Amino acid sequence: NGQTLNAGKYGFFIIPNGNNQAWEVIFSKKNNAWGAFSYKESEDALRVKVKVQDTKETVELLNYEVSKDLIKFAWADKQFVLAVK
């Protein structure tokens, strides 16, 4: 999505901001945490704002699709896509 993130292992967090407002996707330098209990903003490697869209069908289980050029997230009635180069 136009920002640089070096190849590596990262923790992944999402901050929802209302229904269809921009959500924040966070890649954390700490990749071995269980949940967000030990999350610290100082360990952020990258924050990206993403546009969230409504889905046609409800997605019961959290779904990530990762391919060579995108990451797609879907859950409940929302989804977003991150472009990857």
PDB file of N, CA and C in Angstrom:
ATOM      1  N   ASN A   1       0.822  -1.207   0.000  1.00  0.00           N
ATOM      2  CA  ASN A   1       0.000   0.000   0.000  1.00  0.00           C
ATOM      3  C   ASN A   1       0.858   1.261   0.000  1.00  0.00           C
ATOM      4  N   GLY A   2       1.974   1.201  -0.684  1.00  0.00           N
ATOM      5  CA  GLY A   2       2.814   2.367  -0.879  1.00  0.00           C
ATOM      6  C   GLY A   2       3.839   2.628   0.202  1.00  0.00           C
ATOM      7  N   GLN A   3       3.934   1.746   1.196  1.00  0.00           N
ATOM      8  CA  GLN A   3       4.923   1.905   2.253  1.00  0.00           C
ATOM      9  C   GLN A   3       5.877   0.721   2.224  1.00  0.00           C
ATOM     10  N   THR A   4       7.063   0.903   2.781  1.00  0.00           N
ATOM     11  CA  THR A   4       8.088  -0.125   2.733  1.00  0.00           C
ATOM     12  C   THR A   4       8.149  -0.892   4.049  1.00  0.00           C
ATOM     13  N   LEU A   5       8.217  -2.214   3.931  1.00  0.00           N
ATOM     14  CA  LEU A   5       8.419  -3.097   5.070  1.00  0.00           C
ATOM     15  C   LEU A   5       9.395  -4.164   4.617  1.00  0.00           C
ATOM     16  N   ASN A   6      10.545  -4.243   5.277  1.00  0.00           N
ATOM     17  CA  ASN A   6      11.552  -5.223   4.895  1.00  0.00           C
ATOM     18  C   ASN A   6      11.035  -6.640   5.104  1.00  0.00           C
ATOM     19  N   ALA A   7      11.527  -7.574   4.309  1.00  0.00           N
ATOM     20  CA  ALA A   7      11.165  -8.978   4.477  1.00  0.00           C
ATOM     21  C   ALA A   7      11.537  -9.417   5.888  1.00  0.00           C
ATOM     22  N   GLY A   8      10.731 -10.263   6.476  1.00  0.00           N
ATOM     23  CA  GLY A   8      11.015 -10.744   7.818  1.00  0.00           C
ATOM     24  C   GLY A   8       9.779 -11.330   8.466  1.00  0.00           C
ATOM     25  N   LYS A   9       9.875 -11.598   9.759  1.00  0.00           N
ATOM     26  CA  LYS A   9       8.755 -12.125  10.536  1.00  0.00           C
ATOM     27  C   LYS A   9       8.207 -11.012  11.407  1.00  0.00           C
ATOM     28  N   TYR A  10       6.884 -10.859  11.415  1.00  0.00           N
ATOM     29  CA  TYR A  10       6.243  -9.779  12.142  1.00  0.00           C
ATOM     30  C   TYR A  10       4.998 -10.280  12.865  1.00  0.00           C
ATOM     31  N   GLY A  11       4.671  -9.632  13.972  1.00  0.00           N
ATOM     32  CA  GLY A  11       3.370  -9.798  14.577  1.00  0.00           C
ATOM     33  C   GLY A  11       2.397  -8.949  13.778  1.00  0.00           C
ATOM     34  N   PHE A  12       1.105  -9.279  13.851  1.00  0.00           N
ATOM     35  CA  PHE A  12       0.104  -8.609  13.021  1.00  0.00           C
ATOM     36  C   PHE A  12      -1.082  -8.230  13.892  1.00  0.00           C
ATOM     37  N   PHE A  13      -1.428  -6.946  13.897  1.00  0.00           N
ATOM     38  CA  PHE A  13      -2.544  -6.445  14.694  1.00  0.00           C
ATOM     39  C   PHE A  13      -3.439  -5.577  13.812  1.00  0.00           C
ATOM     40  N   ILE A  14      -4.704  -5.500  14.177  1.00  0.00           N
ATOM     41  CA  ILE A  14      -5.659  -4.664  13.452  1.00  0.00           C
ATOM     42  C   ILE A  14      -6.440  -3.844  14.464  1.00  0.00           C
ATOM     43  N   ILE A  15      -6.558  -2.532  14.199  1.00  0.00           N
ATOM     44  CA  ILE A  15      -7.374  -1.658  15.037  1.00  0.00           C
ATOM     45  C   ILE A  15      -8.561  -1.197  14.196  1.00  0.00           C
ATOM     46  N   PRO A  16      -9.769  -1.725  14.494  1.00  0.00           N
ATOM     47  CA  PRO A  16     -10.950  -1.270  13.758  1.00  0.00           C
ATOM     48  C   PRO A  16     -11.366   0.116  14.221  1.00  0.00           C
ATOM     49  N   ASN A  17     -11.773   0.944  13.289  1.00  0.00           N
ATOM     50  CA  ASN A  17     -12.218   2.312  13.591  1.00  0.00           C
ATOM     51  C   ASN A  17     -13.589   2.547  12.980  1.00  0.00           C
ATOM     52  N   GLY A  18     -14.614   2.029  13.594  1.00  0.00           N
ATOM     53  CA  GLY A  18     -15.956   2.221  13.065  1.00  0.00           C
ATOM     54  C   GLY A  18     -16.252   1.284  11.911  1.00  0.00           C
ATOM     55  N   ASN A  19     -17.421   1.448  11.320  1.00  0.00           N
ATOM     56  CA  ASN A  19     -17.878   0.518  10.287  1.00  0.00           C
ATOM     57  C   ASN A  19     -17.010   0.518   9.041  1.00  0.00           C
ATOM     58  N   ASN A  20     -17.037   1.584   8.257  1.00  0.00           N
ATOM     59  CA  ASN A  20     -16.289   1.589   7.003  1.00  0.00           C
ATOM     60  C   ASN A  20     -15.239   2.687   6.963  1.00  0.00           C
ATOM     61  N   GLN A  21     -14.801   3.102   8.108  1.00  0.00           N
ATOM     62  CA  GLN A  21     -13.718   4.065   8.169  1.00  0.00           C
ATOM     63  C   GLN A  21     -12.404   3.311   7.962  1.00  0.00           C
ATOM     64  N   ALA A  22     -11.324   4.053   7.810  1.00  0.00           N
ATOM     65  CA  ALA A  22     -10.019   3.426   7.649  1.00  0.00           C
ATOM     66  C   ALA A  22      -9.620   2.713   8.941  1.00  0.00           C
ATOM     67  N   TRP A  23      -9.247   1.463   8.811  1.00  0.00           N
ATOM     68  CA  TRP A  23      -8.727   0.697   9.945  1.00  0.00           C
ATOM     69  C   TRP A  23      -7.211   0.759   9.896  1.00  0.00           C
ATOM     70  N   GLU A  24      -6.575   0.517  11.034  1.00  0.00           N
ATOM     71  CA  GLU A  24      -5.116   0.499  11.075  1.00  0.00           C
ATOM     72  C   GLU A  24      -4.624  -0.939  11.154  1.00  0.00           C
ATOM     73  N   VAL A  25      -3.699  -1.269  10.260  1.00  0.00           N
ATOM     74  CA  VAL A  25      -3.037  -2.565  10.263  1.00  0.00           C
ATOM     75  C   VAL A  25      -1.628  -2.331  10.774  1.00  0.00           C
ATOM     76  N   ILE A  26      -1.223  -3.124  11.747  1.00  0.00           N
ATOM     77  CA  ILE A  26       0.077  -2.936  12.384  1.00  0.00           C
ATOM     78  C   ILE A  26       0.937  -4.181  12.193  1.00  0.00           C
ATOM     79  N   PHE A  27       2.146  -3.984  11.711  1.00  0.00           N
ATOM     80  CA  PHE A  27       3.154  -5.033  11.671  1.00  0.00           C
ATOM     81  C   PHE A  27       4.129  -4.730  12.802  1.00  0.00           C
ATOM     82  N   SER A  28       4.226  -5.650  13.751  1.00  0.00           N
ATOM     83  CA  SER A  28       5.048  -5.448  14.939  1.00  0.00           C
ATOM     84  C   SER A  28       6.368  -6.206  14.817  1.00  0.00           C
ATOM     85  N   LYS A  29       7.439  -5.607  15.327  1.00  0.00           N
ATOM     86  CA  LYS A  29       8.742  -6.278  15.349  1.00  0.00           C
ATOM     87  C   LYS A  29       8.710  -7.508  16.249  1.00  0.00           C
ATOM     88  N   LYS A  30       7.793  -7.522  17.212  1.00  0.00           N
ATOM     89  CA  LYS A  30       7.669  -8.662  18.122  1.00  0.00           C
ATOM     90  C   LYS A  30       6.741  -9.689  17.474  1.00  0.00           C
ATOM     91  N   ASN A  31       7.304 -10.804  17.026  1.00  0.00           N
ATOM     92  CA  ASN A  31       6.519 -11.781  16.281  1.00  0.00           C
ATOM     93  C   ASN A  31       6.175 -13.031  17.091  1.00  0.00           C
ATOM     94  N   ASN A  32       6.485 -13.046  18.374  1.00  0.00           N
ATOM     95  CA  ASN A  32       6.245 -14.247  19.167  1.00  0.00           C
ATOM     96  C   ASN A  32       5.272 -14.009  20.323  1.00  0.00           C
ATOM     97  N   ALA A  33       4.507 -12.948  20.261  1.00  0.00           N
ATOM     98  CA  ALA A  33       3.548 -12.648  21.326  1.00  0.00           C
ATOM     99  C   ALA A  33       2.284 -13.477  21.115  1.00  0.00           C
ATOM    100  N   TRP A  34       1.630 -13.835  22.208  1.00  0.00           N
ATOM    101  CA  TRP A  34       0.350 -14.524  22.122  1.00  0.00           C
ATOM    102  C   TRP A  34      -0.725 -13.488  22.362  1.00  0.00           C
ATOM    103  N   GLY A  35      -1.437 -13.125  21.326  1.00  0.00           N
ATOM    104  CA  GLY A  35      -2.454 -12.090  21.456  1.00  0.00           C
ATOM    105  C   GLY A  35      -1.828 -10.715  21.599  1.00  0.00           C
ATOM    106  N   ALA A  36      -2.653  -9.770  22.002  1.00  0.00           N
ATOM    107  CA  ALA A  36      -2.215  -8.370  22.110  1.00  0.00           C
ATOM    108  C   ALA A  36      -1.883  -7.971  23.544  1.00  0.00           C
ATOM    109  N   PHE A  37      -1.798  -8.945  24.441  1.00  0.00           N
ATOM    110  CA  PHE A  37      -1.582  -8.647  25.858  1.00  0.00           C
ATOM    111  C   PHE A  37      -0.274  -7.905  26.113  1.00  0.00           C
ATOM    112  N   SER A  38       0.758  -8.214  25.330  1.00  0.00           N
ATOM    113  CA  SER A  38       2.058  -7.570  25.541  1.00  0.00           C
ATOM    114  C   SER A  38       2.376  -6.550  24.442  1.00  0.00           C
ATOM    115  N   TYR A  39       1.365  -6.147  23.662  1.00  0.00           N
ATOM    116  CA  TYR A  39       1.586  -5.199  22.562  1.00  0.00           C
ATOM    117  C   TYR A  39       2.123  -3.874  23.084  1.00  0.00           C
ATOM    118  N   LYS A  40       3.130  -3.346  22.379  1.00  0.00           N
ATOM    119  CA  LYS A  40       3.687  -2.031  22.680  1.00  0.00           C
ATOM    120  C   LYS A  40       3.860  -1.279  21.365  1.00  0.00           C
ATOM    121  N   GLU A  41       3.323  -0.082  21.314  1.00  0.00           N
ATOM    122  CA  GLU A  41       3.430   0.730  20.099  1.00  0.00           C
ATOM    123  C   GLU A  41       4.889   0.964  19.710  1.00  0.00           C
ATOM    124  N   SER A  42       5.772   1.008  20.684  1.00  0.00           N
ATOM    125  CA  SER A  42       7.197   1.238  20.407  1.00  0.00           C
ATOM    126  C   SER A  42       7.816   0.106  19.589  1.00  0.00           C
ATOM    127  N   GLU A  43       7.148  -1.046  19.500  1.00  0.00           N
ATOM    128  CA  GLU A  43       7.659  -2.176  18.730  1.00  0.00           C
ATOM    129  C   GLU A  43       7.071  -2.245  17.317  1.00  0.00           C
ATOM    130  N   ASP A  44       6.286  -1.234  16.929  1.00  0.00           N
ATOM    131  CA  ASP A  44       5.708  -1.198  15.582  1.00  0.00           C
ATOM    132  C   ASP A  44       6.813  -1.087  14.539  1.00  0.00           C
ATOM    133  N   ALA A  45       6.721  -1.926  13.515  1.00  0.00           N
ATOM    134  CA  ALA A  45       7.604  -1.808  12.359  1.00  0.00           C
ATOM    135  C   ALA A  45       6.932  -0.963  11.280  1.00  0.00           C
ATOM    136  N   LEU A  46       5.579  -1.072  11.197  1.00  0.00           N
ATOM    137  CA  LEU A  46       4.832  -0.332  10.188  1.00  0.00           C
ATOM    138  C   LEU A  46       3.362  -0.288  10.569  1.00  0.00           C
ATOM    139  N   ARG A  47       2.744   0.866  10.350  1.00  0.00           N
ATOM    140  CA  ARG A  47       1.290   1.032  10.487  1.00  0.00           C
ATOM    141  C   ARG A  47       0.755   1.486   9.145  1.00  0.00           C
ATOM    142  N   VAL A  48      -0.323   0.847   8.699  1.00  0.00           N
ATOM    143  CA  VAL A  48      -0.939   1.166   7.420  1.00  0.00           C
ATOM    144  C   VAL A  48      -2.429   1.372   7.642  1.00  0.00           C
ATOM    145  N   LYS A  49      -2.988   2.445   7.086  1.00  0.00           N
ATOM    146  CA  LYS A  49      -4.439   2.642   7.121  1.00  0.00           C
ATOM    147  C   LYS A  49      -5.029   1.979   5.887  1.00  0.00           C
ATOM    148  N   VAL A  50      -6.082   1.189   6.114  1.00  0.00           N
ATOM    149  CA  VAL A  50      -6.710   0.469   5.009  1.00  0.00           C
ATOM    150  C   VAL A  50      -8.194   0.794   4.948  1.00  0.00           C
ATOM    151  N   LYS A  51      -8.734   0.808   3.743  1.00  0.00           N
ATOM    152  CA  LYS A  51     -10.163   1.019   3.556  1.00  0.00           C
ATOM    153  C   LYS A  51     -10.867  -0.317   3.733  1.00  0.00           C
ATOM    154  N   VAL A  52     -11.884  -0.328   4.554  1.00  0.00           N
ATOM    155  CA  VAL A  52     -12.650  -1.540   4.841  1.00  0.00           C
ATOM    156  C   VAL A  52     -13.914  -1.538   4.005  1.00  0.00           C
ATOM    157  N   GLN A  53     -14.270  -2.707   3.518  1.00  0.00           N
ATOM    158  CA  GLN A  53     -15.478  -2.856   2.708  1.00  0.00           C
ATOM    159  C   GLN A  53     -16.407  -3.867   3.358  1.00  0.00           C
ATOM    160  N   ASP A  54     -17.694  -3.711   3.110  1.00  0.00           N
ATOM    161  CA  ASP A  54     -18.664  -4.706   3.549  1.00  0.00           C
ATOM    162  C   ASP A  54     -18.555  -5.933   2.655  1.00  0.00           C
ATOM    163  N   THR A  55     -18.785  -7.113   3.235  1.00  0.00           N
ATOM    164  CA  THR A  55     -18.812  -8.342   2.451  1.00  0.00           C
ATOM    165  C   THR A  55     -20.254  -8.689   2.089  1.00  0.00           C
ATOM    166  N   LYS A  56     -20.423  -9.472   1.052  1.00  0.00           N
ATOM    167  CA  LYS A  56     -21.760  -9.890   0.648  1.00  0.00           C
ATOM    168  C   LYS A  56     -22.315 -10.936   1.610  1.00  0.00           C
ATOM    169  N   GLU A  57     -21.433 -11.801   2.098  1.00  0.00           N
ATOM    170  CA  GLU A  57     -21.832 -12.852   3.025  1.00  0.00           C
ATOM    171  C   GLU A  57     -21.015 -12.734   4.303  1.00  0.00           C
ATOM    172  N   THR A  58     -21.594 -13.173   5.398  1.00  0.00           N
ATOM    173  CA  THR A  58     -20.886 -13.163   6.675  1.00  0.00           C
ATOM    174  C   THR A  58     -19.806 -14.239   6.673  1.00  0.00           C
ATOM    175  N   VAL A  59     -18.609 -13.858   7.084  1.00  0.00           N
ATOM    176  CA  VAL A  59     -17.480 -14.785   7.192  1.00  0.00           C
ATOM    177  C   VAL A  59     -17.386 -15.207   8.657  1.00  0.00           C
ATOM    178  N   GLU A  60     -17.734 -16.454   8.945  1.00  0.00           N
ATOM    179  CA  GLU A  60     -17.800 -16.939  10.323  1.00  0.00           C
ATOM    180  C   GLU A  60     -16.428 -17.039  10.975  1.00  0.00           C
ATOM    181  N   LEU A  61     -15.447 -17.562  10.250  1.00  0.00           N
ATOM    182  CA  LEU A  61     -14.103 -17.742  10.787  1.00  0.00           C
ATOM    183  C   LEU A  61     -13.162 -16.707  10.183  1.00  0.00           C
ATOM    184  N   LEU A  62     -12.330 -16.121  11.014  1.00  0.00           N
ATOM    185  CA  LEU A  62     -11.333 -15.160  10.546  1.00  0.00           C
ATOM    186  C   LEU A  62     -10.562 -15.767   9.381  1.00  0.00           C
ATOM    187  N   ASN A  63     -10.433 -15.032   8.281  1.00  0.00           N
ATOM    188  CA  ASN A  63      -9.833 -15.554   7.073  1.00  0.00           C
ATOM    189  C   ASN A  63      -8.759 -14.603   6.560  1.00  0.00           C
ATOM    190  N   TYR A  64      -7.545 -15.124   6.405  1.00  0.00           N
ATOM    191  CA  TYR A  64      -6.459 -14.397   5.753  1.00  0.00           C
ATOM    192  C   TYR A  64      -6.112 -15.152   4.487  1.00  0.00           C
ATOM    193  N   GLU A  65      -6.003 -14.446   3.379  1.00  0.00           N
ATOM    194  CA  GLU A  65      -5.494 -15.032   2.138  1.00  0.00           C
ATOM    195  C   GLU A  65      -4.236 -14.268   1.783  1.00  0.00           C
ATOM    196  N   VAL A  66      -3.135 -14.986   1.644  1.00  0.00           N
ATOM    197  CA  VAL A  66      -1.852 -14.359   1.336  1.00  0.00           C
ATOM    198  C   VAL A  66      -1.378 -14.900  -0.002  1.00  0.00           C
ATOM    199  N   SER A  67      -1.084 -14.005  -0.912  1.00  0.00           N
ATOM    200  CA  SER A  67      -0.532 -14.402  -2.210  1.00  0.00           C
ATOM    201  C   SER A  67       0.703 -13.557  -2.487  1.00  0.00           C
ATOM    202  N   LYS A  68       1.251 -13.719  -3.650  1.00  0.00           N
ATOM    203  CA  LYS A  68       2.473 -13.006  -4.030  1.00  0.00           C
ATOM    204  C   LYS A  68       2.292 -11.488  -4.002  1.00  0.00           C
ATOM    205  N   ASP A  69       1.068 -11.011  -4.323  1.00  0.00           N
ATOM    206  CA  ASP A  69       0.893  -9.571  -4.435  1.00  0.00           C
ATOM    207  C   ASP A  69      -0.232  -8.973  -3.603  1.00  0.00           C
ATOM    208  N   LEU A  70      -0.833  -9.765  -2.686  1.00  0.00           N
ATOM    209  CA  LEU A  70      -1.827  -9.167  -1.794  1.00  0.00           C
ATOM    210  C   LEU A  70      -2.055  -9.996  -0.541  1.00  0.00           C
ATOM    211  N   ILE A  71      -2.568  -9.330   0.470  1.00  0.00           N
ATOM    212  CA  ILE A  71      -3.051  -9.966   1.685  1.00  0.00           C
ATOM    213  C   ILE A  71      -4.506  -9.548   1.824  1.00  0.00           C
ATOM    214  N   LYS A  72      -5.384 -10.525   1.896  1.00  0.00           N
ATOM    215  CA  LYS A  72      -6.803 -10.240   2.032  1.00  0.00           C
ATOM    216  C   LYS A  72      -7.271 -10.726   3.400  1.00  0.00           C
ATOM    217  N   PHE A  73      -7.987  -9.860   4.112  1.00  0.00           N
ATOM    218  CA  PHE A  73      -8.523 -10.158   5.434  1.00  0.00           C
ATOM    219  C   PHE A  73     -10.040 -10.104   5.349  1.00  0.00           C
ATOM    220  N   ALA A  74     -10.701 -11.105   5.902  1.00  0.00           N
ATOM    221  CA  ALA A  74     -12.170 -11.089   5.940  1.00  0.00           C
ATOM    222  C   ALA A  74     -12.637 -11.698   7.258  1.00  0.00           C
ATOM    223  N   TRP A  75     -13.636 -11.039   7.854  1.00  0.00           N
ATOM    224  CA  TRP A  75     -14.210 -11.546   9.097  1.00  0.00           C
ATOM    225  C   TRP A  75     -15.545 -10.845   9.327  1.00  0.00           C
ATOM    226  N   ALA A  76     -16.514 -11.610   9.771  1.00  0.00           N
ATOM    227  CA  ALA A  76     -17.867 -11.099  10.010  1.00  0.00           C
ATOM    228  C   ALA A  76     -18.387 -10.510   8.701  1.00  0.00           C
ATOM    229  N   ASP A  77     -18.677  -9.218   8.674  1.00  0.00           N
ATOM    230  CA  ASP A  77     -19.202  -8.601   7.447  1.00  0.00           C
ATOM    231  C   ASP A  77     -18.253  -7.559   6.874  1.00  0.00           C
ATOM    232  N   LYS A  78     -16.944  -7.688   7.179  1.00  0.00           N
ATOM    233  CA  LYS A  78     -15.937  -6.725   6.707  1.00  0.00           C
ATOM    234  C   LYS A  78     -14.777  -7.434   6.022  1.00  0.00           C
ATOM    235  N   GLN A  79     -14.122  -6.695   5.129  1.00  0.00           N
ATOM    236  CA  GLN A  79     -12.908  -7.189   4.490  1.00  0.00           C
ATOM    237  C   GLN A  79     -12.027  -6.021   4.075  1.00  0.00           C
ATOM    238  N   PHE A  80     -10.728  -6.295   3.934  1.00  0.00           N
ATOM    239  CA  PHE A  80      -9.813  -5.325   3.327  1.00  0.00           C
ATOM    240  C   PHE A  80      -8.710  -6.087   2.616  1.00  0.00           C
ATOM    241  N   VAL A  81      -8.028  -5.369   1.727  1.00  0.00           N
ATOM    242  CA  VAL A  81      -6.939  -5.948   0.946  1.00  0.00           C
ATOM    243  C   VAL A  81      -5.723  -5.035   1.056  1.00  0.00           C
ATOM    244  N   LEU A  82      -4.565  -5.640   1.300  1.00  0.00           N
ATOM    245  CA  LEU A  82      -3.284  -4.922   1.297  1.00  0.00           C
ATOM    246  C   LEU A  82      -2.512  -5.336   0.053  1.00  0.00           C
ATOM    247  N   ALA A  83      -2.067  -4.381  -0.733  1.00  0.00           N
ATOM    248  CA  ALA A  83      -1.230  -4.673  -1.889  1.00  0.00           C
ATOM    249  C   ALA A  83       0.196  -4.925  -1.411  1.00  0.00           C
ATOM    250  N   VAL A  84       0.838  -5.936  -1.972  1.00  0.00           N
ATOM    251  CA  VAL A  84       2.216  -6.308  -1.600  1.00  0.00           C
ATOM    252  C   VAL A  84       3.045  -6.362  -2.863  1.00  0.00           C
ATOM    253  N   LYS A  85       4.246  -5.779  -2.797  1.00  0.00           N
ATOM    254  CA  LYS A  85       5.168  -5.840  -3.945  1.00  0.00           C
ATOM    255  C   LYS A  85       6.397  -6.596  -3.560  1.00  0.00           C
TER     256      LYS A  85
END
